[in-house]
């Protein structure tokens, strides 16, 4: 039950959104037991974001939320993948990308909780 929520201060074209969707779908498999089949994504572009007191360069805030937990090594690997992806596809410098992880034991779906 992963969810990746991405906020950008730049416009995201439909083409780039499709690429991010596909590549994040592949990347989520780095977490044991997670797959694109259960992955939900949200992309919010043109957000009014500031970083280091400025908003004149591309910025991304990526939140990865998982049912269960993940070890530090897997999260670190995922952060590297996300930062490379956003650099390659959107030209966002890795030092302008925050990645936040949230883990929970309570996740609902289809009228029930896991």
C-alpha atoms as a PDB file:
ATOM      1  CA  UNK A   1       0.000   0.000   0.000  1.00  0.00           C
ATOM      2  CA  UNK A   2       2.483   2.678  -1.004  1.00  0.00           C
ATOM      3  CA  UNK A   3       1.563   6.270  -1.812  1.00  0.00           C
ATOM      4  CA  UNK A   4       3.991   8.769  -3.320  1.00  0.00           C
ATOM      5  CA  UNK A   5       2.936  12.401  -3.164  1.00  0.00           C
ATOM      6  CA  UNK A   6       5.006  14.843  -5.210  1.00  0.00           C
ATOM      7  CA  UNK A   7       4.815  18.624  -5.105  1.00  0.00           C
ATOM      8  CA  UNK A   8       6.689  20.722  -7.651  1.00  0.00           C
ATOM      9  CA  UNK A   9       7.039  24.447  -8.165  1.00  0.00           C
ATOM     10  CA  UNK A  10       7.285  23.924 -11.926  1.00  0.00           C
ATOM     11  CA  UNK A  11       4.818  22.835 -14.592  1.00  0.00           C
ATOM     12  CA  UNK A  12       4.658  19.084 -15.189  1.00  0.00           C
ATOM     13  CA  UNK A  13       3.738  18.066 -18.728  1.00  0.00           C
ATOM     14  CA  UNK A  14       1.574  15.009 -19.338  1.00  0.00           C
ATOM     15  CA  UNK A  15       4.548  13.323 -21.022  1.00  0.00           C
ATOM     16  CA  UNK A  16       6.865  13.871 -18.041  1.00  0.00           C
ATOM     17  CA  UNK A  17       4.118  12.800 -15.628  1.00  0.00           C
ATOM     18  CA  UNK A  18       3.772   9.502 -17.493  1.00  0.00           C
ATOM     19  CA  UNK A  19       7.541   8.969 -17.326  1.00  0.00           C
ATOM     20  CA  UNK A  20       7.641   9.732 -13.584  1.00  0.00           C
ATOM     21  CA  UNK A  21       4.678   7.401 -13.019  1.00  0.00           C
ATOM     22  CA  UNK A  22       6.405   4.544 -14.815  1.00  0.00           C
ATOM     23  CA  UNK A  23       9.795   5.039 -13.178  1.00  0.00           C
ATOM     24  CA  UNK A  24       8.378   5.483  -9.667  1.00  0.00           C
ATOM     25  CA  UNK A  25       6.334   2.350 -10.328  1.00  0.00           C
ATOM     26  CA  UNK A  26       9.565   0.470 -10.976  1.00  0.00           C
ATOM     27  CA  UNK A  27      11.362   2.090  -8.037  1.00  0.00           C
ATOM     28  CA  UNK A  28       8.743   1.159  -5.443  1.00  0.00           C
ATOM     29  CA  UNK A  29       9.766  -2.490  -5.878  1.00  0.00           C
ATOM     30  CA  UNK A  30      12.931  -1.633  -3.909  1.00  0.00           C
ATOM     31  CA  UNK A  31      10.744  -1.963  -0.828  1.00  0.00           C
ATOM     32  CA  UNK A  32      10.120  -5.627  -0.017  1.00  0.00           C
ATOM     33  CA  UNK A  33       6.548  -6.625  -0.793  1.00  0.00           C
ATOM     34  CA  UNK A  34       5.700  -3.391  -2.627  1.00  0.00           C
ATOM     35  CA  UNK A  35       4.805  -3.114  -6.300  1.00  0.00           C
ATOM     36  CA  UNK A  36       3.336  -0.740  -8.835  1.00  0.00           C
ATOM     37  CA  UNK A  37       0.088  -2.730  -8.676  1.00  0.00           C
ATOM     38  CA  UNK A  38      -0.706  -1.181  -5.251  1.00  0.00           C
ATOM     39  CA  UNK A  39       1.078   2.142  -5.793  1.00  0.00           C
ATOM     40  CA  UNK A  40      -0.991   5.327  -5.689  1.00  0.00           C
ATOM     41  CA  UNK A  41       0.615   8.521  -6.957  1.00  0.00           C
ATOM     42  CA  UNK A  42      -0.218  12.197  -6.759  1.00  0.00           C
ATOM     43  CA  UNK A  43       1.517  14.980  -8.666  1.00  0.00           C
ATOM     44  CA  UNK A  44       0.885  18.610  -7.789  1.00  0.00           C
ATOM     45  CA  UNK A  45       2.674  21.045 -10.052  1.00  0.00           C
ATOM     46  CA  UNK A  46       2.983  24.835 -10.024  1.00  0.00           C
ATOM     47  CA  UNK A  47       2.982  24.860  -6.211  1.00  0.00           C
ATOM     48  CA  UNK A  48       4.007  28.072  -4.509  1.00  0.00           C
ATOM     49  CA  UNK A  49       7.160  26.705  -2.881  1.00  0.00           C
ATOM     50  CA  UNK A  50      10.228  28.387  -1.441  1.00  0.00           C
ATOM     51  CA  UNK A  51      13.573  26.834  -0.536  1.00  0.00           C
ATOM     52  CA  UNK A  52      16.526  28.574   1.111  1.00  0.00           C
ATOM     53  CA  UNK A  53      14.539  31.808   0.840  1.00  0.00           C
ATOM     54  CA  UNK A  54      14.125  31.592  -2.946  1.00  0.00           C
ATOM     55  CA  UNK A  55      11.609  30.305  -5.452  1.00  0.00           C
ATOM     56  CA  UNK A  56      13.399  31.032  -8.720  1.00  0.00           C
ATOM     57  CA  UNK A  57      14.676  27.486  -9.327  1.00  0.00           C
ATOM     58  CA  UNK A  58      12.940  24.098  -9.598  1.00  0.00           C
ATOM     59  CA  UNK A  59      12.031  22.457  -6.259  1.00  0.00           C
ATOM     60  CA  UNK A  60      10.449  19.107  -5.386  1.00  0.00           C
ATOM     61  CA  UNK A  61       8.983  17.691  -2.191  1.00  0.00           C
ATOM     62  CA  UNK A  62       8.401  13.939  -2.405  1.00  0.00           C
ATOM     63  CA  UNK A  63       6.591  12.027   0.332  1.00  0.00           C
ATOM     64  CA  UNK A  64       6.775   8.228   0.312  1.00  0.00           C
ATOM     65  CA  UNK A  65       4.145   6.667   2.561  1.00  0.00           C
ATOM     66  CA  UNK A  66       4.105   2.930   3.259  1.00  0.00           C
ATOM     67  CA  UNK A  67       2.016   0.410   5.101  1.00  0.00           C
ATOM     68  CA  UNK A  68       4.580  -1.243   7.357  1.00  0.00           C
ATOM     69  CA  UNK A  69       8.192  -0.158   7.705  1.00  0.00           C
ATOM     70  CA  UNK A  70      11.411  -0.104   5.723  1.00  0.00           C
ATOM     71  CA  UNK A  71      15.056  -0.166   6.724  1.00  0.00           C
ATOM     72  CA  UNK A  72      17.426   2.772   6.420  1.00  0.00           C
ATOM     73  CA  UNK A  73      19.377   1.220   3.538  1.00  0.00           C
ATOM     74  CA  UNK A  74      16.265   0.771   1.396  1.00  0.00           C
ATOM     75  CA  UNK A  75      15.105   4.324   2.098  1.00  0.00           C
ATOM     76  CA  UNK A  76      18.549   5.667   1.256  1.00  0.00           C
ATOM     77  CA  UNK A  77      18.567   3.755  -2.032  1.00  0.00           C
ATOM     78  CA  UNK A  78      15.089   5.089  -2.841  1.00  0.00           C
ATOM     79  CA  UNK A  79      16.171   8.669  -2.102  1.00  0.00           C
ATOM     80  CA  UNK A  80      19.027   8.259  -4.584  1.00  0.00           C
ATOM     81  CA  UNK A  81      16.657   6.876  -7.218  1.00  0.00           C
ATOM     82  CA  UNK A  82      14.167   9.714  -6.703  1.00  0.00           C
ATOM     83  CA  UNK A  83      16.846  12.416  -6.832  1.00  0.00           C
ATOM     84  CA  UNK A  84      18.371  10.956 -10.014  1.00  0.00           C
ATOM     85  CA  UNK A  85      14.946  10.625 -11.618  1.00  0.00           C
ATOM     86  CA  UNK A  86      13.967  14.217 -10.905  1.00  0.00           C
ATOM     87  CA  UNK A  87      17.348  15.454 -12.185  1.00  0.00           C
ATOM     88  CA  UNK A  88      17.150  13.386 -15.375  1.00  0.00           C
ATOM     89  CA  UNK A  89      13.524  14.092 -16.214  1.00  0.00           C
ATOM     90  CA  UNK A  90      12.854  17.563 -14.777  1.00  0.00           C
ATOM     91  CA  UNK A  91      16.354  19.011 -14.333  1.00  0.00           C
ATOM     92  CA  UNK A  92      15.774  19.531 -10.607  1.00  0.00           C
ATOM     93  CA  UNK A  93      19.060  19.558  -8.756  1.00  0.00           C
ATOM     94  CA  UNK A  94      19.256  16.771  -6.131  1.00  0.00           C
ATOM     95  CA  UNK A  95      20.007  19.395  -3.479  1.00  0.00           C
ATOM     96  CA  UNK A  96      16.611  20.967  -4.250  1.00  0.00           C
ATOM     97  CA  UNK A  97      14.680  17.754  -3.575  1.00  0.00           C
ATOM     98  CA  UNK A  98      13.382  16.701  -0.174  1.00  0.00           C
ATOM     99  CA  UNK A  99      12.225  13.120   0.313  1.00  0.00           C
ATOM    100  CA  UNK A 100      10.155  12.270   3.378  1.00  0.00           C
ATOM    101  CA  UNK A 101       9.217   8.760   4.516  1.00  0.00           C
ATOM    102  CA  UNK A 102       6.183   7.853   6.598  1.00  0.00           C
ATOM    103  CA  UNK A 103       5.335   4.383   7.873  1.00  0.00           C
ATOM    104  CA  UNK A 104       2.098   3.168   9.415  1.00  0.00           C
ATOM    105  CA  UNK A 105       0.551   0.002  10.774  1.00  0.00           C
ATOM    106  CA  UNK A 106      -2.943   1.312  10.003  1.00  0.00           C
ATOM    107  CA  UNK A 107      -3.938   1.485   6.352  1.00  0.00           C
ATOM    108  CA  UNK A 108      -7.457   1.189   5.021  1.00  0.00           C
ATOM    109  CA  UNK A 109      -8.668  -0.024   1.664  1.00  0.00           C
ATOM    110  CA  UNK A 110     -11.880  -1.422   0.268  1.00  0.00           C
ATOM    111  CA  UNK A 111     -13.870  -0.703   3.430  1.00  0.00           C
ATOM    112  CA  UNK A 112     -11.426  -2.457   5.769  1.00  0.00           C
ATOM    113  CA  UNK A 113      -8.063  -1.977   7.431  1.00  0.00           C
ATOM    114  CA  UNK A 114      -5.021  -4.141   6.987  1.00  0.00           C
END
